Protein backbone atom coordinates (compact mmCIF):
# COMPACT_ATOMS: atom_id res chain seq x y z
CA MET A 1 -1.78 -11.91 -18.58
CA THR A 2 -0.99 -10.90 -22.11
CA GLU A 3 2.62 -11.62 -23.13
CA THR A 4 4.87 -10.75 -26.03
CA GLU A 5 7.84 -12.75 -27.06
CA THR A 6 11.36 -11.18 -27.09
CA GLY A 7 13.45 -13.93 -28.58
CA SER A 8 12.80 -16.97 -26.44
CA VAL A 9 12.15 -14.96 -23.25
CA PRO A 10 8.49 -13.97 -22.49
CA ALA A 11 8.04 -10.35 -21.61
CA ALA A 12 5.30 -9.49 -19.10
CA ASP A 13 2.67 -6.89 -19.79
CA TRP A 14 3.34 -4.77 -16.74
CA GLN A 15 0.38 -2.44 -17.41
CA ALA A 16 -1.93 -5.42 -17.54
CA TRP A 17 -0.56 -6.70 -14.23
CA GLN A 18 -1.06 -3.18 -12.66
CA ASP A 19 -4.62 -3.09 -13.93
CA SER A 20 -5.30 -6.66 -12.72
CA PHE A 21 -3.96 -5.93 -9.30
CA ASP A 22 -6.12 -2.76 -9.03
CA ARG A 23 -9.29 -4.78 -9.96
CA GLN A 24 -8.46 -7.46 -7.46
CA GLN A 25 -7.97 -4.84 -4.71
CA GLU A 26 -11.24 -3.01 -5.63
CA LEU A 27 -13.04 -6.31 -5.02
CA TYR A 28 -12.34 -5.80 -1.36
CA MET A 29 -12.40 -1.93 -1.40
CA PRO A 30 -14.76 -0.45 -4.00
CA ASP A 31 -13.91 3.00 -2.67
CA ARG A 32 -10.15 2.51 -3.17
CA GLU A 33 -9.74 5.41 -5.59
CA GLU A 34 -11.58 7.75 -3.31
CA ARG A 35 -9.05 7.15 -0.45
CA PHE A 36 -6.19 7.78 -2.99
CA ARG A 37 -7.76 11.01 -4.02
CA VAL A 38 -8.16 12.24 -0.46
CA MET A 39 -4.61 11.10 0.34
CA LEU A 40 -3.13 13.18 -2.58
CA ASP A 41 -5.47 16.11 -1.79
CA MET A 42 -3.83 16.25 1.68
CA VAL A 43 -0.35 15.84 0.37
CA GLU A 44 -0.90 18.87 -1.86
CA ALA A 45 -2.53 20.91 0.94
CA LEU A 46 0.29 20.20 3.48
CA VAL A 47 3.50 19.79 1.56
CA GLY A 48 2.77 21.16 -1.93
CA PRO A 49 2.59 19.81 -5.50
CA GLU A 50 6.25 18.68 -5.76
CA PRO A 51 6.65 16.23 -2.89
CA LYS A 52 9.40 13.78 -2.11
CA VAL A 53 7.41 10.75 -1.14
CA LEU A 54 8.19 7.40 0.49
CA ASP A 55 5.63 4.79 -0.81
CA LEU A 56 5.67 2.45 2.22
CA ALA A 57 4.91 -1.20 1.62
CA CYS A 58 4.38 -0.06 -1.98
CA GLY A 59 3.31 -3.36 -3.52
CA THR A 60 2.99 -2.81 -7.34
CA GLY A 61 3.33 0.96 -6.86
CA SER A 62 -0.34 1.90 -6.84
CA ILE A 63 0.27 5.07 -4.86
CA THR A 64 3.35 6.04 -6.78
CA ASP A 65 1.43 5.60 -10.09
CA ARG A 66 -1.32 8.01 -8.98
CA LEU A 67 1.18 10.40 -7.42
CA LEU A 68 3.13 10.89 -10.62
CA LYS A 69 0.01 11.27 -12.75
CA ARG A 70 -1.25 14.06 -10.41
CA PHE A 71 2.11 15.69 -9.56
CA PRO A 72 4.60 15.46 -12.51
CA ASN A 73 7.42 16.92 -10.47
CA ALA A 74 7.10 14.55 -7.57
CA VAL A 75 9.59 11.84 -6.76
CA SER A 76 8.97 8.55 -5.05
CA THR A 77 10.83 5.83 -3.21
CA GLY A 78 8.96 2.52 -3.04
CA VAL A 79 9.84 0.10 -0.29
CA ASP A 80 8.56 -3.40 0.07
CA LEU A 81 9.69 -6.98 0.78
CA ASP A 82 7.37 -8.90 -1.63
CA PRO A 83 9.59 -10.02 -4.58
CA ALA A 84 6.65 -10.62 -6.89
CA LEU A 85 4.93 -7.31 -6.37
CA LEU A 86 8.26 -5.47 -6.58
CA THR A 87 8.95 -7.26 -9.84
CA ILE A 88 5.77 -5.75 -11.27
CA ALA A 89 6.52 -2.37 -9.84
CA ARG A 90 10.03 -2.26 -11.20
CA GLY A 91 8.80 -3.49 -14.66
CA HIS A 92 6.04 -0.91 -14.75
CA PHE A 93 8.34 2.02 -13.74
CA ALA A 94 11.37 0.81 -15.73
CA GLY A 95 13.27 3.91 -17.05
CA GLU A 96 11.30 6.34 -14.80
CA GLU A 97 13.89 8.58 -13.22
CA ARG A 98 11.42 9.94 -10.60
CA VAL A 99 11.04 6.54 -9.07
CA SER A 100 13.28 4.12 -7.18
CA PHE A 101 12.61 0.96 -5.23
CA VAL A 102 14.15 -0.59 -2.14
CA THR A 103 13.77 -4.16 -0.94
CA ALA A 104 13.45 -4.12 2.87
CA ASP A 105 11.59 -5.71 5.77
CA LEU A 106 9.81 -3.11 7.82
CA ARG A 107 10.37 -5.34 10.84
CA ASP A 108 14.10 -4.90 10.46
CA PRO A 109 15.20 -2.10 12.85
CA GLY A 110 17.76 -0.93 10.22
CA TRP A 111 15.52 -0.74 7.30
CA THR A 112 15.52 3.01 7.01
CA GLY A 113 19.32 2.86 6.42
CA ARG A 114 18.52 1.50 2.90
CA LEU A 115 16.55 4.53 1.82
CA PRO A 116 18.13 6.85 -0.70
CA HIS A 117 16.99 10.05 1.24
CA ARG A 118 17.29 10.83 4.99
CA SER A 119 13.90 12.46 5.14
CA TYR A 120 10.72 12.80 3.09
CA ASP A 121 7.91 15.36 2.65
CA ALA A 122 5.32 12.56 2.92
CA VAL A 123 5.19 8.88 3.77
CA LEU A 124 2.18 7.12 2.32
CA THR A 125 0.79 3.64 2.64
CA ALA A 126 -2.43 1.93 1.94
CA THR A 127 -3.98 -1.49 2.81
CA ALA A 128 -0.56 -2.87 3.92
CA LEU A 129 0.33 -2.33 7.52
CA HIS A 130 -2.41 -4.58 8.76
CA TRP A 131 0.08 -7.37 7.91
CA LEU A 132 2.01 -6.28 10.99
CA HIS A 133 1.06 -6.90 14.64
CA SER A 134 0.52 -3.93 16.87
CA GLY A 135 3.72 -4.64 18.73
CA GLU A 136 5.58 -4.27 15.43
CA LEU A 137 3.62 -1.30 14.09
CA ALA A 138 4.14 0.85 17.20
CA PRO A 139 7.97 0.95 16.87
CA LEU A 140 7.58 1.38 13.10
CA TYR A 141 5.66 4.57 13.71
CA GLY A 142 8.53 5.77 15.85
CA GLN A 143 10.92 5.16 13.01
CA LEU A 144 8.59 7.04 10.58
CA ALA A 145 8.51 10.06 12.95
CA GLN A 146 12.28 10.28 12.23
CA VAL A 147 11.87 9.87 8.49
CA VAL A 148 9.19 12.49 7.95
CA ARG A 149 10.64 15.97 7.87
CA ASP A 150 9.28 18.75 10.17
CA GLY A 151 6.04 19.91 8.65
CA GLY A 152 5.79 16.67 6.60
CA VAL A 153 3.01 14.12 6.72
CA PHE A 154 2.40 10.40 7.19
CA MET A 155 -0.81 8.77 6.01
CA ASN A 156 -2.10 5.25 6.47
CA ALA A 157 -5.26 4.05 4.76
CA ASP A 158 -6.16 0.56 6.04
CA HIS A 159 -8.76 -1.60 7.79
CA MET A 160 -9.51 0.08 11.12
CA PRO A 161 -12.76 -1.35 12.43
CA ASP A 162 -14.58 -0.05 15.53
CA GLU A 163 -15.09 -3.17 17.75
CA THR A 164 -17.64 -1.26 19.87
CA THR A 165 -20.23 -1.43 17.05
CA PRO A 166 -20.61 -5.20 16.33
CA ARG A 167 -24.07 -5.02 14.72
CA ILE A 168 -23.05 -2.21 12.36
CA ASN A 169 -19.90 -4.09 11.57
CA ALA A 170 -21.84 -7.27 10.79
CA ALA A 171 -24.29 -5.44 8.50
CA GLU A 172 -21.51 -3.72 6.56
CA ARG A 173 -19.54 -7.02 6.26
CA SER A 174 -22.61 -8.86 4.92
CA ARG A 175 -23.33 -6.13 2.38
CA ARG A 176 -19.62 -5.97 1.24
CA HIS A 177 -19.36 -9.75 0.89
CA ALA A 178 -22.52 -9.91 -1.26
CA ALA A 179 -20.99 -7.25 -3.53
CA MET A 180 -17.73 -9.27 -3.71
CA GLU A 181 -19.51 -12.39 -4.69
CA ARG A 182 -21.34 -10.62 -7.56
CA ALA A 183 -18.02 -9.17 -8.76
CA ARG A 184 -16.37 -12.69 -8.60
CA ALA A 185 -19.23 -14.08 -10.61
CA GLN A 186 -18.52 -11.51 -13.27
CA GLY A 187 -14.88 -12.67 -13.47
CA THR A 188 -12.98 -10.38 -11.02
CA PRO A 189 -10.18 -12.44 -9.47
CA ASP A 190 -9.97 -12.55 -5.71
CA TRP A 191 -6.72 -12.57 -3.74
CA ALA A 192 -6.15 -16.33 -4.10
CA ASP A 193 -7.14 -16.30 -7.75
CA TRP A 194 -4.79 -13.49 -8.55
CA TRP A 195 -1.84 -15.18 -6.99
CA ARG A 196 -2.52 -18.37 -8.97
CA LEU A 197 -2.45 -16.30 -12.14
CA ALA A 198 0.94 -14.80 -11.00
CA ALA A 199 2.38 -18.17 -10.25
CA ALA A 200 1.46 -19.43 -13.73
CA ASP A 201 3.17 -16.48 -15.47
CA PRO A 202 6.65 -17.35 -16.81
CA VAL A 203 8.15 -14.05 -15.57
CA LEU A 204 6.43 -13.99 -12.16
CA ALA A 205 6.57 -17.64 -11.24
CA GLU A 206 9.94 -17.53 -9.49
CA PRO A 207 9.32 -14.32 -7.48
CA THR A 208 5.89 -15.53 -6.60
CA ALA A 209 7.29 -18.77 -5.21
CA ARG A 210 9.75 -16.62 -3.15
CA ARG A 211 6.90 -14.43 -1.99
CA PHE A 212 5.01 -17.44 -0.51
CA GLU A 213 8.17 -18.63 1.23
CA ILE A 214 8.32 -15.22 2.96
CA TYR A 215 4.57 -14.65 3.78
CA GLY A 216 2.65 -17.83 3.26
CA GLU A 217 -0.91 -17.31 2.07
CA HIS A 218 -1.43 -14.18 4.13
CA ALA A 219 0.29 -12.55 7.16
CA ASP A 220 -1.62 -12.72 10.42
CA GLY A 221 -1.42 -9.10 11.55
CA ASP A 222 -3.69 -6.77 13.57
CA THR A 223 -6.36 -4.22 12.58
CA PRO A 224 -6.48 -1.79 15.47
CA SER A 225 -8.92 1.07 15.63
CA VAL A 226 -8.53 4.63 14.44
CA ASP A 227 -8.14 5.75 18.07
CA TRP A 228 -5.24 3.36 18.51
CA HIS A 229 -3.48 4.67 15.41
CA VAL A 230 -3.99 8.29 16.44
CA ARG A 231 -2.81 7.73 19.97
CA THR A 232 0.23 5.69 18.85
CA LEU A 233 1.29 8.20 16.25
CA ARG A 234 1.12 11.06 18.72
CA GLY A 235 3.05 9.04 21.16
CA ALA A 236 5.69 8.42 18.48
CA GLY A 237 6.38 12.12 18.03
CA PHE A 238 3.87 13.42 15.56
CA GLY A 239 2.31 16.83 16.55
CA GLU A 240 -1.15 16.15 15.28
CA ALA A 241 -3.01 13.07 14.09
CA ARG A 242 -6.60 12.20 13.17
CA ALA A 243 -8.73 10.45 10.57
CA VAL A 244 -9.26 12.53 7.43
CA TRP A 245 -11.45 10.00 5.57
CA CYS A 246 -13.43 6.94 6.40
CA SER A 247 -15.69 4.30 4.90
CA PRO A 248 -17.91 1.84 6.78
CA SER A 249 -14.92 -0.47 7.26
CA ASP A 250 -11.72 1.52 6.53
CA ALA A 251 -10.13 4.81 7.46
CA LEU A 252 -7.26 7.16 6.38
CA VAL A 253 -5.32 8.48 9.27
CA LEU A 254 -3.05 11.51 8.80
CA ALA A 255 -0.28 12.46 11.12
CA LEU A 256 1.50 15.85 10.82
CA LYS A 257 5.19 16.15 12.09
């Protein structure tokens, strides 16, 4: 990453880290921007252009960044446990009064008590909750039903494979991995490469080390189907739930309170 010197303390280029994280994620999800667009389309359709949003498992703040560019009067609370990604998020949004961040473990039953607001118009998350097992995700959905206001929305874009179509899944996986190899050959960092770059950065080295103490290389969660998410969200107290977008491997499920 590009750095500038402020006295003897290196200052990270937060925009460069944001861009780098986006490219790394797009290696695995080339249609990532499309899911964000649909997510924000549905936010506007259901709760309007000035939403109060909880960016759940926010990472570097990818959703929040796109939210504020599209809706200048929106406000966002980002919540995550990853100290390295939160360092990038806090650096990138430093001085932005519309944004706040909370460090919390979504597996902690009391995590919602750390939020600055009791309810939100929209809770949004992408490519994050597959880090949790189904037995952890189901009670989390129950908590989110209490955080989303009446008439508000929850949206989760994530890996939601259909295990009843193994040949289709295998063909999609082969095509996607071939495209990933071409992108890597052209210099796009993969997950492991990106974290090696973060560990080598003077500003991110310490929070990256703490991040690996928390998670290891990658959490071993679940990727249940769309039907599981829909059924579980309705059981948690949402009035309606269904997929509003899908790709060959991923889906965006929307639940309306």
